[in-house]
Every structure is written in structure tokens, then in C-alpha cells.
Amino acid sequence: MTMTIKVYEVDREGHTWLIRPEAEVVPLERPEYVHAYPACECAICAEGAS
């Protein structure tokens, strides 16, 4: 079974922008179980700013 996903960005005033159009994705049979969130990959964290 596939699912569809769209990615949006929303600002403080509630304006939205489509970041990625609708795409089909296949869910994992069994997700990996971990006790921590993955490392952030945003531009600010990638540059090492604190």
C-alpha cells in the first residue's frame, strides 16, 4: 500500500508555501526503533551555528 505526501512551509502569519509537490511513498515494513531523534539536517545546524 502506498501513501501520498506533500511538504509545506508555514510562516508565523499562517502563509503557506509548497516545498515538495505530492509524491507517492511506500511505508517501511518495520521502522527502525531508536531512543533518540536523528540529527537535524537544516541549513542552520549543517553550518554549525548555535
Protein backbone atom coordinates (compact mmCIF):
# COMPACT_ATOMS: atom_id res chain seq x y z
CA MET A 1 0.00 0.00 0.00
CA THR A 2 1.37 3.43 -0.89
CA MET A 3 0.71 6.78 0.71
CA THR A 4 0.96 10.31 -0.65
CA ILE A 5 2.76 13.23 0.96
CA LYS A 6 3.16 16.97 0.31
CA VAL A 7 5.62 19.18 2.17
CA TYR A 8 4.66 22.74 3.10
CA GLU A 9 6.35 25.62 4.90
CA VAL A 10 4.20 27.85 7.11
CA ASP A 11 5.25 31.26 8.49
CA ARG A 12 4.06 32.93 11.69
CA GLU A 13 1.21 34.68 9.88
CA GLY A 14 -0.12 31.40 8.52
CA HIS A 15 1.05 31.84 4.91
CA THR A 16 1.94 28.51 3.30
CA TRP A 17 4.34 27.58 0.50
CA LEU A 18 4.54 24.24 -1.23
CA ILE A 19 8.07 22.90 -0.77
CA ARG A 20 7.63 19.48 -2.40
CA PRO A 21 4.66 18.54 -4.61
CA GLU A 22 2.55 15.46 -3.94
CA ALA A 23 4.56 12.26 -4.22
CA GLU A 24 3.83 8.60 -3.57
CA VAL A 25 5.84 6.94 -0.81
CA VAL A 26 5.94 3.35 0.38
CA PRO A 27 5.92 2.94 4.18
CA LEU A 28 8.55 0.75 5.80
CA GLU A 29 7.51 -2.77 6.73
CA ARG A 30 9.07 -2.36 10.17
CA PRO A 31 10.54 1.03 11.18
CA GLU A 32 13.87 1.10 12.99
CA TYR A 33 13.39 1.51 16.75
CA VAL A 34 15.70 4.09 18.34
CA HIS A 35 15.68 6.05 21.59
CA ALA A 36 16.80 9.38 20.10
CA TYR A 37 15.77 11.77 17.35
CA PRO A 38 18.01 11.79 14.26
CA ALA A 39 20.46 14.67 13.86
CA CYS A 40 18.95 17.83 12.43
CA GLU A 41 19.79 18.41 8.75
CA CYS A 42 18.54 22.02 8.42
CA ALA A 43 20.83 24.67 6.90
CA ILE A 44 21.43 26.37 10.26
CA CYS A 45 22.53 23.15 12.01
CA ALA A 46 24.53 21.99 8.99
CA GLU A 47 26.62 25.20 9.19
CA GLY A 48 27.32 24.55 12.87
CA ALA A 49 25.68 27.73 14.20
CA SER A 50 24.48 27.67 17.79
